[in-house]
Amino acid sequence: MTEQQIIETLATKVMGWKVDGSKLIKNGYVSYLIEWNPLKYMDDAWVIAEKLHIGVLPQSPGAPEDMKFLAVFETHPYDRDIEVYANTAQEAICKAALEAVA
């Protein structure tokens, strides 16, 4: 999946929003899809984490460039344990959310 496809999937399948070309329709309000990027912006990723009850834990001591993050579901609404490791907290949240809705 491309970054754009991931963002659109998270917007529609996780958040329940609509995507119309470059527009993002959230609860009747229109913004631009380019403004919402949970892969890049932690505040956008955190909206997903709160909605799906995802916790994020740092996994590697040491230098920030060596840090890995673990995303896990605080509750297990999907009848399976999902654990995802990634280089950034945002990426871990997004990967866990994608796996949950796959």
PDB file of N, CA and C in Angstrom:
ATOM      1  N   MET A   1       0.838  -1.192   0.000  1.00  0.00           N
ATOM      2  CA  MET A   1       0.000   0.000   0.000  1.00  0.00           C
ATOM      3  C   MET A   1       0.876   1.247   0.000  1.00  0.00           C
ATOM      4  N   THR A   2       0.435   2.232  -0.718  1.00  0.00           N
ATOM      5  CA  THR A   2       1.137   3.509  -0.694  1.00  0.00           C
ATOM      6  C   THR A   2       0.743   4.273   0.567  1.00  0.00           C
ATOM      7  N   GLU A   3       1.502   5.305   0.886  1.00  0.00           N
ATOM      8  CA  GLU A   3       1.177   6.125   2.053  1.00  0.00           C
ATOM      9  C   GLU A   3      -0.227   6.714   1.913  1.00  0.00           C
ATOM     10  N   GLN A   4      -0.569   7.174   0.728  1.00  0.00           N
ATOM     11  CA  GLN A   4      -1.892   7.759   0.497  1.00  0.00           C
ATOM     12  C   GLN A   4      -2.999   6.724   0.703  1.00  0.00           C
ATOM     13  N   GLN A   5      -2.801   5.511   0.246  1.00  0.00           N
ATOM     14  CA  GLN A   5      -3.795   4.452   0.435  1.00  0.00           C
ATOM     15  C   GLN A   5      -3.957   4.118   1.916  1.00  0.00           C
ATOM     16  N   ILE A   6      -2.855   4.116   2.652  1.00  0.00           N
ATOM     17  CA  ILE A   6      -2.926   3.847   4.090  1.00  0.00           C
ATOM     18  C   ILE A   6      -3.740   4.932   4.778  1.00  0.00           C
ATOM     19  N   ILE A   7      -3.463   6.177   4.459  1.00  0.00           N
ATOM     20  CA  ILE A   7      -4.179   7.300   5.074  1.00  0.00           C
ATOM     21  C   ILE A   7      -5.668   7.229   4.748  1.00  0.00           C
ATOM     22  N   GLU A   8      -6.004   6.950   3.499  1.00  0.00           N
ATOM     23  CA  GLU A   8      -7.410   6.848   3.106  1.00  0.00           C
ATOM     24  C   GLU A   8      -8.100   5.681   3.800  1.00  0.00           C
ATOM     25  N   THR A   9      -7.417   4.550   3.919  1.00  0.00           N
ATOM     26  CA  THR A   9      -7.990   3.388   4.604  1.00  0.00           C
ATOM     27  C   THR A   9      -8.237   3.693   6.073  1.00  0.00           C
ATOM     28  N   LEU A  10      -7.291   4.340   6.722  1.00  0.00           N
ATOM     29  CA  LEU A  10      -7.467   4.700   8.130  1.00  0.00           C
ATOM     30  C   LEU A  10      -8.611   5.692   8.293  1.00  0.00           C
ATOM     31  N   ALA A  11      -8.723   6.644   7.382  1.00  0.00           N
ATOM     32  CA  ALA A  11      -9.794   7.635   7.458  1.00  0.00           C
ATOM     33  C   ALA A  11     -11.169   6.988   7.297  1.00  0.00           C
ATOM     34  N   THR A  12     -11.284   6.056   6.359  1.00  0.00           N
ATOM     35  CA  THR A  12     -12.596   5.472   6.071  1.00  0.00           C
ATOM     36  C   THR A  12     -12.939   4.294   6.978  1.00  0.00           C
ATOM     37  N   LYS A  13     -12.026   3.334   7.102  1.00  0.00           N
ATOM     38  CA  LYS A  13     -12.340   2.112   7.847  1.00  0.00           C
ATOM     39  C   LYS A  13     -12.212   2.254   9.353  1.00  0.00           C
ATOM     40  N   VAL A  14     -11.296   3.096   9.803  1.00  0.00           N
ATOM     41  CA  VAL A  14     -11.120   3.254  11.244  1.00  0.00           C
ATOM     42  C   VAL A  14     -11.949   4.419  11.766  1.00  0.00           C
ATOM     43  N   MET A  15     -11.817   5.574  11.132  1.00  0.00           N
ATOM     44  CA  MET A  15     -12.481   6.770  11.645  1.00  0.00           C
ATOM     45  C   MET A  15     -13.923   6.910  11.152  1.00  0.00           C
ATOM     46  N   GLY A  16     -14.268   6.198  10.082  1.00  0.00           N
ATOM     47  CA  GLY A  16     -15.639   6.277   9.574  1.00  0.00           C
ATOM     48  C   GLY A  16     -15.927   7.533   8.772  1.00  0.00           C
ATOM     49  N   TRP A  17     -14.888   8.189   8.297  1.00  0.00           N
ATOM     50  CA  TRP A  17     -15.050   9.395   7.508  1.00  0.00           C
ATOM     51  C   TRP A  17     -15.192   9.029   6.037  1.00  0.00           C
ATOM     52  N   LYS A  18     -15.534   9.991   5.227  1.00  0.00           N
ATOM     53  CA  LYS A  18     -15.643   9.782   3.791  1.00  0.00           C
ATOM     54  C   LYS A  18     -14.503  10.517   3.088  1.00  0.00           C
ATOM     55  N   VAL A  19     -14.025   9.917   2.019  1.00  0.00           N
ATOM     56  CA  VAL A  19     -12.995  10.541   1.194  1.00  0.00           C
ATOM     57  C   VAL A  19     -13.607  10.782  -0.171  1.00  0.00           C
ATOM     58  N   ASP A  20     -13.529  12.032  -0.625  1.00  0.00           N
ATOM     59  CA  ASP A  20     -14.047  12.406  -1.933  1.00  0.00           C
ATOM     60  C   ASP A  20     -12.932  13.142  -2.672  1.00  0.00           C
ATOM     61  N   GLY A  21     -12.172  12.382  -3.440  1.00  0.00           N
ATOM     62  CA  GLY A  21     -11.016  12.964  -4.125  1.00  0.00           C
ATOM     63  C   GLY A  21      -9.985  13.416  -3.114  1.00  0.00           C
ATOM     64  N   SER A  22      -9.730  14.707  -3.072  1.00  0.00           N
ATOM     65  CA  SER A  22      -8.755  15.243  -2.124  1.00  0.00           C
ATOM     66  C   SER A  22      -9.425  15.767  -0.857  1.00  0.00           C
ATOM     67  N   LYS A  23     -10.761  15.617  -0.775  1.00  0.00           N
ATOM     68  CA  LYS A  23     -11.488  16.126   0.384  1.00  0.00           C
ATOM     69  C   LYS A  23     -11.759  15.024   1.393  1.00  0.00           C
ATOM     70  N   LEU A  24     -11.708  15.412   2.641  1.00  0.00           N
ATOM     71  CA  LEU A  24     -11.982  14.516   3.754  1.00  0.00           C
ATOM     72  C   LEU A  24     -13.218  15.049   4.457  1.00  0.00           C
ATOM     73  N   ILE A  25     -14.261  14.230   4.523  1.00  0.00           N
ATOM     74  CA  ILE A  25     -15.522  14.671   5.113  1.00  0.00           C
ATOM     75  C   ILE A  25     -15.668  13.997   6.466  1.00  0.00           C
ATOM     76  N   LYS A  26     -15.527  14.818   7.542  1.00  0.00           N
ATOM     77  CA  LYS A  26     -15.563  14.328   8.914  1.00  0.00           C
ATOM     78  C   LYS A  26     -16.802  14.872   9.595  1.00  0.00           C
ATOM     79  N   ASN A  27     -17.765  14.000   9.836  1.00  0.00           N
ATOM     80  CA  ASN A  27     -18.970  14.385  10.566  1.00  0.00           C
ATOM     81  C   ASN A  27     -19.625  15.632   9.985  1.00  0.00           C
ATOM     82  N   GLY A  28     -19.696  15.701   8.665  1.00  0.00           N
ATOM     83  CA  GLY A  28     -20.339  16.826   8.000  1.00  0.00           C
ATOM     84  C   GLY A  28     -19.417  17.994   7.698  1.00  0.00           C
ATOM     85  N   TYR A  29     -18.230  17.997   8.253  1.00  0.00           N
ATOM     86  CA  TYR A  29     -17.264  19.064   8.005  1.00  0.00           C
ATOM     87  C   TYR A  29     -16.283  18.612   6.935  1.00  0.00           C
ATOM     88  N   VAL A  30     -15.914  19.529   6.070  1.00  0.00           N
ATOM     89  CA  VAL A  30     -15.007  19.205   4.979  1.00  0.00           C
ATOM     90  C   VAL A  30     -13.631  19.815   5.249  1.00  0.00           C
ATOM     91  N   SER A  31     -12.611  18.999   5.114  1.00  0.00           N
ATOM     92  CA  SER A  31     -11.228  19.488   5.148  1.00  0.00           C
ATOM     93  C   SER A  31     -10.504  18.777   4.012  1.00  0.00           C
ATOM     94  N   TYR A  32      -9.233  18.994   3.933  1.00  0.00           N
ATOM     95  CA  TYR A  32      -8.475  18.372   2.859  1.00  0.00           C
ATOM     96  C   TYR A  32      -7.695  17.186   3.390  1.00  0.00           C
ATOM     97  N   LEU A  33      -7.720  16.118   2.643  1.00  0.00           N
ATOM     98  CA  LEU A  33      -7.059  14.882   3.027  1.00  0.00           C
ATOM     99  C   LEU A  33      -5.574  15.097   3.287  1.00  0.00           C
ATOM    100  N   ILE A  34      -4.970  16.004   2.562  1.00  0.00           N
ATOM    101  CA  ILE A  34      -3.534  16.258   2.721  1.00  0.00           C
ATOM    102  C   ILE A  34      -3.215  16.819   4.113  1.00  0.00           C
ATOM    103  N   GLU A  35      -4.208  17.405   4.786  1.00  0.00           N
ATOM    104  CA  GLU A  35      -3.986  17.993   6.108  1.00  0.00           C
ATOM    105  C   GLU A  35      -3.979  16.946   7.221  1.00  0.00           C
ATOM    106  N   TRP A  36      -4.489  15.751   6.965  1.00  0.00           N
ATOM    107  CA  TRP A  36      -4.580  14.700   7.985  1.00  0.00           C
ATOM    108  C   TRP A  36      -3.617  13.582   7.615  1.00  0.00           C
ATOM    109  N   ASN A  37      -2.581  13.397   8.406  1.00  0.00           N
ATOM    110  CA  ASN A  37      -1.588  12.365   8.104  1.00  0.00           C
ATOM    111  C   ASN A  37      -1.127  11.694   9.401  1.00  0.00           C
ATOM    112  N   PRO A  38      -1.805  10.625   9.809  1.00  0.00           N
ATOM    113  CA  PRO A  38      -1.426   9.945  11.045  1.00  0.00           C
ATOM    114  C   PRO A  38      -0.084   9.225  10.962  1.00  0.00           C
ATOM    115  N   LEU A  39       0.440   9.012   9.767  1.00  0.00           N
ATOM    116  CA  LEU A  39       1.774   8.426   9.637  1.00  0.00           C
ATOM    117  C   LEU A  39       2.858   9.444   9.986  1.00  0.00           C
ATOM    118  N   LYS A  40       2.527  10.709   9.857  1.00  0.00           N
ATOM    119  CA  LYS A  40       3.502  11.770  10.083  1.00  0.00           C
ATOM    120  C   LYS A  40       3.253  12.534  11.382  1.00  0.00           C
ATOM    121  N   TYR A  41       1.999  12.832  11.677  1.00  0.00           N
ATOM    122  CA  TYR A  41       1.666  13.693  12.811  1.00  0.00           C
ATOM    123  C   TYR A  41       1.110  12.883  13.980  1.00  0.00           C
ATOM    124  N   MET A  42       1.749  13.015  15.127  1.00  0.00           N
ATOM    125  CA  MET A  42       1.341  12.242  16.301  1.00  0.00           C
ATOM    126  C   MET A  42      -0.067  12.592  16.754  1.00  0.00           C
ATOM    127  N   ASP A  43      -0.477  13.857  16.657  1.00  0.00           N
ATOM    128  CA  ASP A  43      -1.829  14.203  17.091  1.00  0.00           C
ATOM    129  C   ASP A  43      -2.889  13.508  16.238  1.00  0.00           C
ATOM    130  N   ASP A  44      -2.624  13.314  14.961  1.00  0.00           N
ATOM    131  CA  ASP A  44      -3.553  12.577  14.096  1.00  0.00           C
ATOM    132  C   ASP A  44      -3.539  11.089  14.426  1.00  0.00           C
ATOM    133  N   ALA A  45      -2.366  10.545  14.681  1.00  0.00           N
ATOM    134  CA  ALA A  45      -2.256   9.127  15.051  1.00  0.00           C
ATOM    135  C   ALA A  45      -2.924   8.869  16.395  1.00  0.00           C
ATOM    136  N   TRP A  46      -2.819   9.835  17.288  1.00  0.00           N
ATOM    137  CA  TRP A  46      -3.390   9.640  18.619  1.00  0.00           C
ATOM    138  C   TRP A  46      -4.916   9.539  18.572  1.00  0.00           C
ATOM    139  N   VAL A  47      -5.549  10.196  17.613  1.00  0.00           N
ATOM    140  CA  VAL A  47      -7.005  10.083  17.438  1.00  0.00           C
ATOM    141  C   VAL A  47      -7.368   8.633  17.132  1.00  0.00           C
ATOM    142  N   ILE A  48      -6.568   7.991  16.306  1.00  0.00           N
ATOM    143  CA  ILE A  48      -6.780   6.576  15.976  1.00  0.00           C
ATOM    144  C   ILE A  48      -6.541   5.711  17.208  1.00  0.00           C
ATOM    145  N   ALA A  49      -5.450   5.987  17.919  1.00  0.00           N
ATOM    146  CA  ALA A  49      -5.111   5.207  19.113  1.00  0.00           C
ATOM    147  C   ALA A  49      -6.227   5.291  20.153  1.00  0.00           C
ATOM    148  N   GLU A  50      -6.782   6.472  20.348  1.00  0.00           N
ATOM    149  CA  GLU A  50      -7.871   6.632  21.316  1.00  0.00           C
ATOM    150  C   GLU A  50      -9.131   5.902  20.870  1.00  0.00           C
ATOM    151  N   LYS A  51      -9.433   5.979  19.584  1.00  0.00           N
ATOM    152  CA  LYS A  51     -10.641   5.324  19.077  1.00  0.00           C
ATOM    153  C   LYS A  51     -10.565   3.806  19.216  1.00  0.00           C
ATOM    154  N   LEU A  52      -9.394   3.229  18.953  1.00  0.00           N
ATOM    155  CA  LEU A  52      -9.235   1.777  18.983  1.00  0.00           C
ATOM    156  C   LEU A  52      -8.601   1.255  20.277  1.00  0.00           C
ATOM    157  N   HIS A  53      -8.327   2.154  21.211  1.00  0.00           N
ATOM    158  CA  HIS A  53      -7.713   1.778  22.497  1.00  0.00           C
ATOM    159  C   HIS A  53      -6.361   1.101  22.283  1.00  0.00           C
ATOM    160  N   ILE A  54      -5.511   1.779  21.530  1.00  0.00           N
ATOM    161  CA  ILE A  54      -4.170   1.273  21.255  1.00  0.00           C
ATOM    162  C   ILE A  54      -3.188   1.956  22.201  1.00  0.00           C
ATOM    163  N   GLY A  55      -2.358   1.166  22.842  1.00  0.00           N
ATOM    164  CA  GLY A  55      -1.287   1.704  23.667  1.00  0.00           C
ATOM    165  C   GLY A  55       0.033   1.589  22.928  1.00  0.00           C
ATOM    166  N   VAL A  56       0.926   2.526  23.167  1.00  0.00           N
ATOM    167  CA  VAL A  56       2.218   2.531  22.491  1.00  0.00           C
ATOM    168  C   VAL A  56       3.320   2.574  23.542  1.00  0.00           C
ATOM    169  N   LEU A  57       4.268   1.666  23.408  1.00  0.00           N
ATOM    170  CA  LEU A  57       5.360   1.564  24.366  1.00  0.00           C
ATOM    171  C   LEU A  57       6.700   1.593  23.662  1.00  0.00           C
ATOM    172  N   PRO A  58       7.659   2.391  24.154  1.00  0.00           N
ATOM    173  CA  PRO A  58       9.007   2.332  23.589  1.00  0.00           C
ATOM    174  C   PRO A  58       9.647   0.995  23.952  1.00  0.00           C
ATOM    175  N   GLN A  59      10.430   0.431  23.044  1.00  0.00           N
ATOM    176  CA  GLN A  59      10.971  -0.907  23.244  1.00  0.00           C
ATOM    177  C   GLN A  59      12.483  -0.990  23.262  1.00  0.00           C
ATOM    178  N   SER A  60      13.171   0.071  22.907  1.00  0.00           N
ATOM    179  CA  SER A  60      14.619  -0.010  22.809  1.00  0.00           C
ATOM    180  C   SER A  60      15.273   1.095  23.624  1.00  0.00           C
ATOM    181  N   PRO A  61      16.078   0.737  24.600  1.00  0.00           N
ATOM    182  CA  PRO A  61      16.822   1.789  25.288  1.00  0.00           C
ATOM    183  C   PRO A  61      17.949   2.283  24.392  1.00  0.00           C
ATOM    184  N   GLY A  62      18.407   3.465  24.650  1.00  0.00           N
ATOM    185  CA  GLY A  62      19.536   3.966  23.883  1.00  0.00           C
ATOM    186  C   GLY A  62      19.183   5.188  23.073  1.00  0.00           C
ATOM    187  N   ALA A  63      19.892   5.359  21.999  1.00  0.00           N
ATOM    188  CA  ALA A  63      19.754   6.545  21.162  1.00  0.00           C
ATOM    189  C   ALA A  63      18.387   6.595  20.492  1.00  0.00           C
ATOM    190  N   PRO A  64      17.830   7.797  20.295  1.00  0.00           N
ATOM    191  CA  PRO A  64      16.512   7.926  19.659  1.00  0.00           C
ATOM    192  C   PRO A  64      16.436   7.263  18.289  1.00  0.00           C
ATOM    193  N   GLU A  65      17.517   7.293  17.537  1.00  0.00           N
ATOM    194  CA  GLU A  65      17.462   6.682  16.198  1.00  0.00           C
ATOM    195  C   GLU A  65      17.386   5.166  16.259  1.00  0.00           C
ATOM    196  N   ASP A  66      17.671   4.575  17.410  1.00  0.00           N
ATOM    197  CA  ASP A  66      17.567   3.130  17.576  1.00  0.00           C
ATOM    198  C   ASP A  66      16.244   2.711  18.216  1.00  0.00           C
ATOM    199  N   MET A  67      15.423   3.668  18.561  1.00  0.00           N
ATOM    200  CA  MET A  67      14.183   3.396  19.270  1.00  0.00           C
ATOM    201  C   MET A  67      13.190   2.637  18.385  1.00  0.00           C
ATOM    202  N   LYS A  68      12.519   1.670  18.960  1.00  0.00           N
ATOM    203  CA  LYS A  68      11.416   0.962  18.315  1.00  0.00           C
ATOM    204  C   LYS A  68      10.202   1.126  19.218  1.00  0.00           C
ATOM    205  N   PHE A  69       9.028   1.079  18.653  1.00  0.00           N
ATOM    206  CA  PHE A  69       7.806   1.226  19.414  1.00  0.00           C
ATOM    207  C   PHE A  69       6.919   0.015  19.220  1.00  0.00           C
ATOM    208  N   LEU A  70       6.245  -0.376  20.266  1.00  0.00           N
ATOM    209  CA  LEU A  70       5.305  -1.491  20.240  1.00  0.00           C
ATOM    210  C   LEU A  70       3.909  -0.916  20.412  1.00  0.00           C
ATOM    211  N   ALA A  71       3.010  -1.273  19.519  1.00  0.00           N
ATOM    212  CA  ALA A  71       1.605  -0.876  19.631  1.00  0.00           C
ATOM    213  C   ALA A  71       0.792  -2.113  19.967  1.00  0.00           C
ATOM    214  N   VAL A  72       0.000  -2.029  21.018  1.00  0.00           N
ATOM    215  CA  VAL A  72      -0.858  -3.136  21.432  1.00  0.00           C
ATOM    216  C   VAL A  72      -2.241  -2.589  21.768  1.00  0.00           C
ATOM    217  N   PHE A  73      -3.224  -3.440  21.683  1.00  0.00           N
ATOM    218  CA  PHE A  73      -4.580  -3.047  22.034  1.00  0.00           C
ATOM    219  C   PHE A  73      -4.769  -3.224  23.536  1.00  0.00           C
ATOM    220  N   GLU A  74      -5.245  -2.168  24.192  1.00  0.00           N
ATOM    221  CA  GLU A  74      -5.476  -2.226  25.631  1.00  0.00           C
ATOM    222  C   GLU A  74      -6.638  -3.152  25.953  1.00  0.00           C
ATOM    223  N   THR A  75      -7.604  -3.203  25.064  1.00  0.00           N
ATOM    224  CA  THR A  75      -8.676  -4.192  25.130  1.00  0.00           C
ATOM    225  C   THR A  75      -8.610  -4.951  23.819  1.00  0.00           C
ATOM    226  N   HIS A  76      -9.152  -6.122  23.770  1.00  0.00           N
ATOM    227  CA  HIS A  76      -9.023  -6.951  22.573  1.00  0.00           C
ATOM    228  C   HIS A  76     -10.376  -7.122  21.878  1.00  0.00           C
ATOM    229  N   PRO A  77     -10.832  -6.071  21.203  1.00  0.00           N
ATOM    230  CA  PRO A  77     -12.141  -6.147  20.553  1.00  0.00           C
ATOM    231  C   PRO A  77     -12.156  -6.998  19.296  1.00  0.00           C
ATOM    232  N   TYR A  78     -10.987  -7.414  18.835  1.00  0.00           N
ATOM    233  CA  TYR A  78     -10.920  -8.133  17.574  1.00  0.00           C
ATOM    234  C   TYR A  78     -10.658  -9.618  17.765  1.00  0.00           C
ATOM    235  N   ASP A  79     -10.827 -10.112  18.995  1.00  0.00           N
ATOM    236  CA  ASP A  79     -10.665 -11.531  19.313  1.00  0.00           C
ATOM    237  C   ASP A  79      -9.293 -12.090  18.941  1.00  0.00           C
ATOM    238  N   ARG A  80      -8.293 -11.239  18.924  1.00  0.00           N
ATOM    239  CA  ARG A  80      -6.937 -11.707  18.669  1.00  0.00           C
ATOM    240  C   ARG A  80      -5.974 -10.658  19.196  1.00  0.00           C
ATOM    241  N   ASP A  81      -4.823 -11.122  19.582  1.00  0.00           N
ATOM    242  CA  ASP A  81      -3.794 -10.195  20.043  1.00  0.00           C
ATOM    243  C   ASP A  81      -3.070  -9.628  18.828  1.00  0.00           C
ATOM    244  N   ILE A  82      -2.907  -8.332  18.816  1.00  0.00           N
ATOM    245  CA  ILE A  82      -2.177  -7.680  17.744  1.00  0.00           C
ATOM    246  C   ILE A  82      -1.042  -6.904  18.383  1.00  0.00           C
ATOM    247  N   GLU A  83       0.168  -7.231  17.993  1.00  0.00           N
ATOM    248  CA  GLU A  83       1.349  -6.505  18.443  1.00  0.00           C
ATOM    249  C   GLU A  83       2.124  -6.087  17.210  1.00  0.00           C
ATOM    250  N   VAL A  84       2.445  -4.814  17.125  1.00  0.00           N
ATOM    251  CA  VAL A  84       3.134  -4.287  15.958  1.00  0.00           C
ATOM    252  C   VAL A  84       4.338  -3.477  16.418  1.00  0.00           C
ATOM    253  N   TYR A  85       5.478  -3.711  15.796  1.00  0.00           N
ATOM    254  CA  TYR A  85       6.686  -2.937  16.071  1.00  0.00           C
ATOM    255  C   TYR A  85       6.962  -2.018  14.882  1.00  0.00           C
ATOM    256  N   ALA A  86       7.406  -0.795  15.181  1.00  0.00           N
ATOM    257  CA  ALA A  86       7.735   0.155  14.117  1.00  0.00           C
ATOM    258  C   ALA A  86       8.774   1.146  14.618  1.00  0.00           C
ATOM    259  N   ASN A  87       9.302   1.928  13.698  1.00  0.00           N
ATOM    260  CA  ASN A  87      10.339   2.902  14.037  1.00  0.00           C
ATOM    261  C   ASN A  87       9.797   4.143  14.732  1.00  0.00           C
ATOM    262  N   THR A  88       8.537   4.478  14.488  1.00  0.00           N
ATOM    263  CA  THR A  88       7.931   5.632  15.152  1.00  0.00           C
ATOM    264  C   THR A  88       6.630   5.201  15.820  1.00  0.00           C
ATOM    265  N   ALA A  89       6.229   5.952  16.815  1.00  0.00           N
ATOM    266  CA  ALA A  89       4.970   5.661  17.493  1.00  0.00           C
ATOM    267  C   ALA A  89       3.796   5.789  16.522  1.00  0.00           C
ATOM    268  N   GLN A  90       3.847   6.807  15.666  1.00  0.00           N
ATOM    269  CA  GLN A  90       2.763   7.003  14.701  1.00  0.00           C
ATOM    270  C   GLN A  90       2.633   5.808  13.770  1.00  0.00           C
ATOM    271  N   GLU A  91       3.765   5.329  13.272  1.00  0.00           N
ATOM    272  CA  GLU A  91       3.757   4.187  12.359  1.00  0.00           C
ATOM    273  C   GLU A  91       3.239   2.934  13.062  1.00  0.00           C
ATOM    274  N   ALA A  92       3.616   2.748  14.319  1.00  0.00           N
ATOM    275  CA  ALA A  92       3.138   1.587  15.080  1.00  0.00           C
ATOM    276  C   ALA A  92       1.626   1.631  15.247  1.00  0.00           C
ATOM    277  N   ILE A  93       1.097   2.793  15.579  1.00  0.00           N
ATOM    278  CA  ILE A  93      -0.351   2.962  15.731  1.00  0.00           C
ATOM    279  C   ILE A  93      -1.062   2.661  14.415  1.00  0.00           C
ATOM    280  N   CYS A  94      -0.561   3.224  13.335  1.00  0.00           N
ATOM    281  CA  CYS A  94      -1.205   3.021  12.029  1.00  0.00           C
ATOM    282  C   CYS A  94      -1.156   1.569  11.586  1.00  0.00           C
ATOM    283  N   LYS A  95      -0.030   0.915  11.786  1.00  0.00           N
ATOM    284  CA  LYS A  95       0.079  -0.491  11.411  1.00  0.00           C
ATOM    285  C   LYS A  95      -0.870  -1.367  12.222  1.00  0.00           C
ATOM    286  N   ALA A  96      -0.964  -1.104  13.517  1.00  0.00           N
ATOM    287  CA  ALA A  96      -1.877  -1.876  14.361  1.00  0.00           C
ATOM    288  C   ALA A  96      -3.324  -1.652  13.937  1.00  0.00           C
ATOM    289  N   ALA A  97      -3.678  -0.408  13.642  1.00  0.00           N
ATOM    290  CA  ALA A  97      -5.040  -0.101  13.201  1.00  0.00           C
ATOM    291  C   ALA A  97      -5.358  -0.781  11.870  1.00  0.00           C
ATOM    292  N   LEU A  98      -4.420  -0.762  10.943  1.00  0.00           N
ATOM    293  CA  LEU A  98      -4.639  -1.435   9.658  1.00  0.00           C
ATOM    294  C   LEU A  98      -4.824  -2.937   9.843  1.00  0.00           C
ATOM    295  N   GLU A  99      -4.031  -3.521  10.704  1.00  0.00           N
ATOM    296  CA  GLU A  99      -4.161  -4.956  10.948  1.00  0.00           C
ATOM    297  C   GLU A  99      -5.513  -5.278  11.584  1.00  0.00           C
ATOM    298  N   ALA A 100      -5.980  -4.393  12.426  1.00  0.00           N
ATOM    299  CA  ALA A 100      -7.266  -4.612  13.101  1.00  0.00           C
ATOM    300  C   ALA A 100      -8.436  -4.593  12.139  1.00  0.00           C
ATOM    301  N   VAL A 101      -8.377  -3.729  11.119  1.00  0.00           N
ATOM    302  CA  VAL A 101      -9.505  -3.616  10.199  1.00  0.00           C
ATOM    303  C   VAL A 101      -9.328  -4.452   8.939  1.00  0.00           C
ATOM    304  N   ALA A 102      -8.205  -5.151   8.836  1.00  0.00           N
ATOM    305  CA  ALA A 102      -7.952  -5.982   7.646  1.00  0.00           C
ATOM    306  C   ALA A 102      -8.864  -7.191   7.611  1.00  0.00           C
TER     307      ALA A 102
END
